[in-house]
Amino acid sequence: MKKGTVIALIIAILLIALIPLFVLKDAEFGGSDDAGSQVVEEVNEGYEPWATPILEAAIGGELPGEVESLFFCVQTGLGVGIIAFFMGRYVERKKLGKGE
């Protein structure tokens, strides 16, 4: 790739990442769990969940946000590691001529 193309792509990536920070200053983003629970409340106000998360049942309450974020990050890291491992094996197989 030419140097100008690389610089243009880097600038485009930075703009895509930074523009929403300034354009959507007062935006509130909720997760799918929040949206789902709101819909359930609208449909049936007396709904009682029939299951509880395993860790919440074990500690007797809701997990703190930091612990929940930690578990999410660990899960993400493990998933990326597994995908990268198999992609690396696939690339190496192709290089050695075994994957044809």
N, C-alpha and C. Protein backbone atom coordinates (compact mmCIF):
# COMPACT_ATOMS: atom_id res chain seq x y z
N MET A 1 0.83 -1.18 0.00
CA MET A 1 0.00 0.00 0.00
C MET A 1 0.88 1.25 0.00
N LYS A 2 0.35 2.26 -0.60
CA LYS A 2 1.08 3.52 -0.62
C LYS A 2 0.93 4.23 0.72
N LYS A 3 1.92 5.06 1.03
CA LYS A 3 1.95 5.76 2.30
C LYS A 3 0.72 6.67 2.46
N GLY A 4 0.31 7.34 1.39
CA GLY A 4 -0.86 8.23 1.44
C GLY A 4 -2.14 7.47 1.74
N THR A 5 -2.28 6.27 1.19
CA THR A 5 -3.47 5.45 1.43
C THR A 5 -3.53 5.04 2.90
N VAL A 6 -2.39 4.65 3.45
CA VAL A 6 -2.36 4.23 4.86
C VAL A 6 -2.73 5.40 5.76
N ILE A 7 -2.18 6.56 5.49
CA ILE A 7 -2.49 7.74 6.31
C ILE A 7 -3.97 8.10 6.20
N ALA A 8 -4.53 8.02 4.99
CA ALA A 8 -5.95 8.32 4.80
C ALA A 8 -6.82 7.33 5.57
N LEU A 9 -6.45 6.06 5.57
CA LEU A 9 -7.22 5.04 6.31
C LEU A 9 -7.13 5.27 7.81
N ILE A 10 -5.95 5.64 8.31
CA ILE A 10 -5.81 5.91 9.73
C ILE A 10 -6.66 7.11 10.14
N ILE A 11 -6.67 8.14 9.33
CA ILE A 11 -7.49 9.32 9.61
C ILE A 11 -8.98 8.95 9.59
N ALA A 12 -9.38 8.14 8.63
CA ALA A 12 -10.79 7.71 8.55
C ALA A 12 -11.17 6.90 9.78
N ILE A 13 -10.30 6.03 10.24
CA ILE A 13 -10.58 5.23 11.44
C ILE A 13 -10.72 6.13 12.66
N LEU A 14 -9.82 7.08 12.79
CA LEU A 14 -9.90 8.00 13.93
C LEU A 14 -11.19 8.83 13.89
N LEU A 15 -11.58 9.28 12.70
CA LEU A 15 -12.82 10.06 12.59
C LEU A 15 -14.03 9.21 12.95
N ILE A 16 -14.05 7.96 12.50
CA ILE A 16 -15.18 7.07 12.81
C ILE A 16 -15.26 6.84 14.32
N ALA A 17 -14.12 6.76 14.99
CA ALA A 17 -14.11 6.52 16.43
C ALA A 17 -14.43 7.77 17.24
N LEU A 18 -14.00 8.95 16.76
CA LEU A 18 -14.13 10.16 17.57
C LEU A 18 -15.38 10.99 17.30
N ILE A 19 -15.90 10.98 16.10
CA ILE A 19 -17.07 11.81 15.77
C ILE A 19 -18.27 11.48 16.67
N PRO A 20 -18.60 10.20 16.90
CA PRO A 20 -19.76 9.93 17.78
C PRO A 20 -19.60 10.49 19.19
N LEU A 21 -18.37 10.61 19.68
CA LEU A 21 -18.18 11.16 21.02
C LEU A 21 -18.65 12.61 21.12
N PHE A 22 -18.50 13.35 20.04
CA PHE A 22 -18.88 14.76 20.05
C PHE A 22 -20.32 14.98 19.57
N VAL A 23 -20.78 14.15 18.65
CA VAL A 23 -22.12 14.31 18.10
C VAL A 23 -23.19 13.79 19.07
N LEU A 24 -22.90 12.70 19.75
CA LEU A 24 -23.88 12.06 20.63
C LEU A 24 -23.55 12.33 22.11
N LYS A 25 -23.38 13.58 22.48
CA LYS A 25 -22.96 13.93 23.84
C LYS A 25 -23.93 13.45 24.91
N ASP A 26 -25.22 13.67 24.74
CA ASP A 26 -26.19 13.35 25.78
C ASP A 26 -26.93 12.05 25.51
N ALA A 27 -26.40 11.22 24.64
CA ALA A 27 -27.07 9.97 24.31
C ALA A 27 -26.91 8.97 25.45
N GLU A 28 -27.95 8.20 25.66
CA GLU A 28 -27.91 7.14 26.66
C GLU A 28 -28.01 5.80 25.94
N PHE A 29 -27.09 4.93 26.25
CA PHE A 29 -27.08 3.62 25.62
C PHE A 29 -27.39 2.57 26.66
N GLY A 30 -28.39 1.75 26.39
CA GLY A 30 -28.76 0.68 27.29
C GLY A 30 -28.49 -0.66 26.65
N GLY A 31 -28.34 -1.65 27.47
CA GLY A 31 -28.08 -2.98 26.96
C GLY A 31 -29.36 -3.69 26.57
N SER A 32 -29.20 -4.82 25.94
CA SER A 32 -30.36 -5.60 25.52
C SER A 32 -31.10 -6.17 26.74
N ASP A 33 -30.38 -6.43 27.83
CA ASP A 33 -31.04 -6.92 29.04
C ASP A 33 -32.03 -5.89 29.57
N ASP A 34 -31.60 -4.63 29.59
CA ASP A 34 -32.50 -3.57 30.07
C ASP A 34 -33.72 -3.42 29.16
N ALA A 35 -33.49 -3.44 27.86
CA ALA A 35 -34.60 -3.29 26.92
C ALA A 35 -35.57 -4.46 27.04
N GLY A 36 -35.04 -5.65 27.19
CA GLY A 36 -35.90 -6.84 27.32
C GLY A 36 -36.73 -6.81 28.58
N SER A 37 -36.12 -6.41 29.69
CA SER A 37 -36.87 -6.37 30.95
C SER A 37 -37.94 -5.29 30.92
N GLN A 38 -37.69 -4.19 30.23
CA GLN A 38 -38.71 -3.15 30.11
C GLN A 38 -39.91 -3.65 29.30
N VAL A 39 -39.65 -4.38 28.25
CA VAL A 39 -40.75 -4.93 27.43
C VAL A 39 -41.55 -5.94 28.24
N VAL A 40 -40.87 -6.79 29.01
CA VAL A 40 -41.57 -7.77 29.84
C VAL A 40 -42.45 -7.06 30.85
N GLU A 41 -41.95 -5.99 31.45
CA GLU A 41 -42.74 -5.23 32.42
C GLU A 41 -43.98 -4.61 31.76
N GLU A 42 -43.85 -4.16 30.51
CA GLU A 42 -45.00 -3.59 29.81
C GLU A 42 -46.04 -4.64 29.52
N VAL A 43 -45.61 -5.84 29.17
CA VAL A 43 -46.55 -6.90 28.80
C VAL A 43 -47.19 -7.51 30.04
N ASN A 44 -46.40 -7.79 31.07
CA ASN A 44 -46.92 -8.46 32.25
C ASN A 44 -46.25 -7.85 33.48
N GLU A 45 -46.96 -6.98 34.17
CA GLU A 45 -46.38 -6.27 35.31
C GLU A 45 -46.05 -7.19 36.48
N GLY A 46 -46.74 -8.28 36.63
CA GLY A 46 -46.52 -9.19 37.76
C GLY A 46 -45.57 -10.32 37.45
N TYR A 47 -44.80 -10.23 36.39
CA TYR A 47 -43.91 -11.33 35.99
C TYR A 47 -42.80 -11.54 37.02
N GLU A 48 -42.60 -12.77 37.39
CA GLU A 48 -41.50 -13.17 38.28
C GLU A 48 -40.56 -14.07 37.48
N PRO A 49 -39.28 -13.74 37.44
CA PRO A 49 -38.33 -14.60 36.72
C PRO A 49 -38.33 -16.01 37.31
N TRP A 50 -38.23 -17.02 36.45
CA TRP A 50 -38.26 -18.39 36.92
C TRP A 50 -36.86 -18.97 37.12
N ALA A 51 -35.82 -18.20 36.79
CA ALA A 51 -34.45 -18.65 37.02
C ALA A 51 -33.61 -17.46 37.45
N THR A 52 -32.54 -17.74 38.18
CA THR A 52 -31.60 -16.69 38.57
C THR A 52 -30.21 -17.08 38.09
N PRO A 53 -29.37 -16.11 37.79
CA PRO A 53 -28.00 -16.43 37.39
C PRO A 53 -27.28 -17.24 38.47
N ILE A 54 -26.45 -18.18 38.07
CA ILE A 54 -25.81 -19.10 39.00
C ILE A 54 -24.96 -18.36 40.03
N LEU A 55 -24.14 -17.41 39.59
CA LEU A 55 -23.27 -16.71 40.54
C LEU A 55 -24.07 -15.83 41.49
N GLU A 56 -25.15 -15.23 41.01
CA GLU A 56 -25.98 -14.41 41.89
C GLU A 56 -26.64 -15.27 42.96
N ALA A 57 -27.05 -16.47 42.59
CA ALA A 57 -27.65 -17.37 43.57
C ALA A 57 -26.61 -17.83 44.58
N ALA A 58 -25.36 -18.02 44.14
CA ALA A 58 -24.31 -18.52 45.03
C ALA A 58 -23.90 -17.47 46.06
N ILE A 59 -23.82 -16.20 45.66
CA ILE A 59 -23.38 -15.17 46.61
C ILE A 59 -24.56 -14.49 47.31
N GLY A 60 -25.75 -14.80 46.88
CA GLY A 60 -26.93 -14.26 47.55
C GLY A 60 -27.30 -12.84 47.18
N GLY A 61 -26.90 -12.39 46.02
CA GLY A 61 -27.24 -11.05 45.58
C GLY A 61 -26.67 -10.77 44.21
N GLU A 62 -26.87 -9.56 43.76
CA GLU A 62 -26.40 -9.19 42.43
C GLU A 62 -24.90 -8.92 42.44
N LEU A 63 -24.24 -9.30 41.35
CA LEU A 63 -22.81 -9.06 41.23
C LEU A 63 -22.53 -7.57 41.08
N PRO A 64 -21.45 -7.09 41.68
CA PRO A 64 -21.08 -5.69 41.46
C PRO A 64 -20.71 -5.47 39.99
N GLY A 65 -20.89 -4.25 39.52
CA GLY A 65 -20.63 -3.94 38.11
C GLY A 65 -19.22 -4.23 37.68
N GLU A 66 -18.24 -4.01 38.59
CA GLU A 66 -16.85 -4.25 38.24
C GLU A 66 -16.59 -5.74 38.02
N VAL A 67 -17.18 -6.58 38.84
CA VAL A 67 -16.98 -8.02 38.70
C VAL A 67 -17.65 -8.51 37.42
N GLU A 68 -18.82 -7.98 37.15
CA GLU A 68 -19.53 -8.35 35.93
C GLU A 68 -18.71 -7.95 34.69
N SER A 69 -18.12 -6.76 34.72
CA SER A 69 -17.27 -6.31 33.62
C SER A 69 -16.03 -7.18 33.49
N LEU A 70 -15.46 -7.57 34.63
CA LEU A 70 -14.29 -8.45 34.61
C LEU A 70 -14.62 -9.78 33.95
N PHE A 71 -15.73 -10.38 34.33
CA PHE A 71 -16.12 -11.65 33.72
C PHE A 71 -16.35 -11.50 32.22
N PHE A 72 -16.96 -10.39 31.83
CA PHE A 72 -17.20 -10.15 30.41
C PHE A 72 -15.87 -10.04 29.66
N CYS A 73 -14.91 -9.31 30.24
CA CYS A 73 -13.59 -9.15 29.59
C CYS A 73 -12.85 -10.47 29.51
N VAL A 74 -12.90 -11.27 30.55
CA VAL A 74 -12.24 -12.57 30.53
C VAL A 74 -12.87 -13.47 29.47
N GLN A 75 -14.19 -13.45 29.39
CA GLN A 75 -14.90 -14.25 28.39
C GLN A 75 -14.50 -13.80 26.99
N THR A 76 -14.42 -12.51 26.78
CA THR A 76 -14.02 -11.98 25.48
C THR A 76 -12.60 -12.40 25.14
N GLY A 77 -11.69 -12.28 26.11
CA GLY A 77 -10.30 -12.66 25.88
C GLY A 77 -10.16 -14.13 25.54
N LEU A 78 -10.88 -14.98 26.24
CA LEU A 78 -10.82 -16.42 25.93
C LEU A 78 -11.36 -16.70 24.53
N GLY A 79 -12.45 -16.06 24.17
CA GLY A 79 -13.02 -16.27 22.84
C GLY A 79 -12.08 -15.82 21.74
N VAL A 80 -11.48 -14.65 21.92
CA VAL A 80 -10.53 -14.14 20.92
C VAL A 80 -9.32 -15.06 20.84
N GLY A 81 -8.85 -15.53 21.98
CA GLY A 81 -7.70 -16.44 21.99
C GLY A 81 -7.98 -17.73 21.23
N ILE A 82 -9.15 -18.29 21.44
CA ILE A 82 -9.51 -19.53 20.74
C ILE A 82 -9.62 -19.29 19.24
N ILE A 83 -10.29 -18.21 18.85
CA ILE A 83 -10.44 -17.91 17.42
C ILE A 83 -9.07 -17.66 16.79
N ALA A 84 -8.21 -16.89 17.46
CA ALA A 84 -6.88 -16.60 16.92
C ALA A 84 -6.05 -17.87 16.80
N PHE A 85 -6.17 -18.77 17.76
CA PHE A 85 -5.43 -20.03 17.71
C PHE A 85 -5.80 -20.82 16.46
N PHE A 86 -7.09 -20.99 16.23
CA PHE A 86 -7.52 -21.79 15.08
C PHE A 86 -7.24 -21.09 13.76
N MET A 87 -7.36 -19.76 13.74
CA MET A 87 -7.01 -19.05 12.51
C MET A 87 -5.52 -19.18 12.22
N GLY A 88 -4.69 -19.10 13.25
CA GLY A 88 -3.25 -19.28 13.07
C GLY A 88 -2.92 -20.66 12.57
N ARG A 89 -3.58 -21.66 13.09
CA ARG A 89 -3.34 -23.04 12.62
C ARG A 89 -3.75 -23.19 11.16
N TYR A 90 -4.85 -22.56 10.80
CA TYR A 90 -5.32 -22.63 9.42
C TYR A 90 -4.32 -21.97 8.48
N VAL A 91 -3.81 -20.81 8.85
CA VAL A 91 -2.84 -20.10 8.01
C VAL A 91 -1.56 -20.91 7.87
N GLU A 92 -1.08 -21.47 8.98
CA GLU A 92 0.14 -22.28 8.91
C GLU A 92 -0.06 -23.52 8.06
N ARG A 93 -1.22 -24.13 8.15
CA ARG A 93 -1.49 -25.31 7.32
C ARG A 93 -1.44 -24.95 5.83
N LYS A 94 -2.03 -23.81 5.50
CA LYS A 94 -2.00 -23.36 4.10
C LYS A 94 -0.57 -23.12 3.66
N LYS A 95 0.25 -22.52 4.53
CA LYS A 95 1.64 -22.23 4.18
C LYS A 95 2.42 -23.52 3.94
N LEU A 96 2.14 -24.53 4.72
CA LEU A 96 2.85 -25.79 4.58
C LEU A 96 2.27 -26.69 3.50
N GLY A 97 1.15 -26.30 2.93
CA GLY A 97 0.53 -27.06 1.85
C GLY A 97 -0.31 -28.23 2.29
N LYS A 98 -0.66 -28.29 3.57
CA LYS A 98 -1.45 -29.40 4.09
C LYS A 98 -2.95 -29.14 4.04
N GLY A 99 -3.34 -27.88 3.87
CA GLY A 99 -4.76 -27.54 3.96
C GLY A 99 -5.46 -27.52 2.62
N GLU A 100 -4.85 -28.01 1.57
CA GLU A 100 -5.49 -27.96 0.24
C GLU A 100 -6.33 -29.16 -0.04
